[in-house]
């Protein structure tokens, strides 16, 4: 796998290979000079907006594949950028998808999911704070998985309390 992901047009030992940067930084959104985590979450939301992405088989496959790729690429980025670098936002992208899986697709629920996920990702309620301590990419990815699960549960509760959220139209 190292050989496949090590493709880079430049041989520069001072920065990670191109494909590692592309994935770990969420199509380079992690290089945003302000709030890179929010920029990465926005990329996750934009990808979610692609018609058909929300179907359970599609989103589940993307979550699984990019969770594994996220662990690998974020671990590789740590070798170059130090522990849990801010430019690594693949965790926010996967977290946004987990936040919205099994949720009816509409703009209000997507925006609520975005806001709630950012809140939980910043606040880091337990066990998110605990799993963040895991070494390398596992900790980077898992704290966002926990925050995303909290978000998904919160969205389900909001839908249960306010069933009209499902039918929201712009």
Foldseek 3Di string as FASTA:
>chain_A
DCVVQQDAPDPDPLAGGPSLLCLQLVNQCLVPPPDSLLSLLVSLLVVCPPPPCQDQVNLVVVLVVLLVSQQVSQLVRCVNQNDLDSSGRSLSSSLLSLLCHPPQDDDVLSVQLSVQLVVCLVVQDPPLVVLLPDDGRRNNNVSSNVSSVVNNVVSVVVCVVPVCVNVDDD
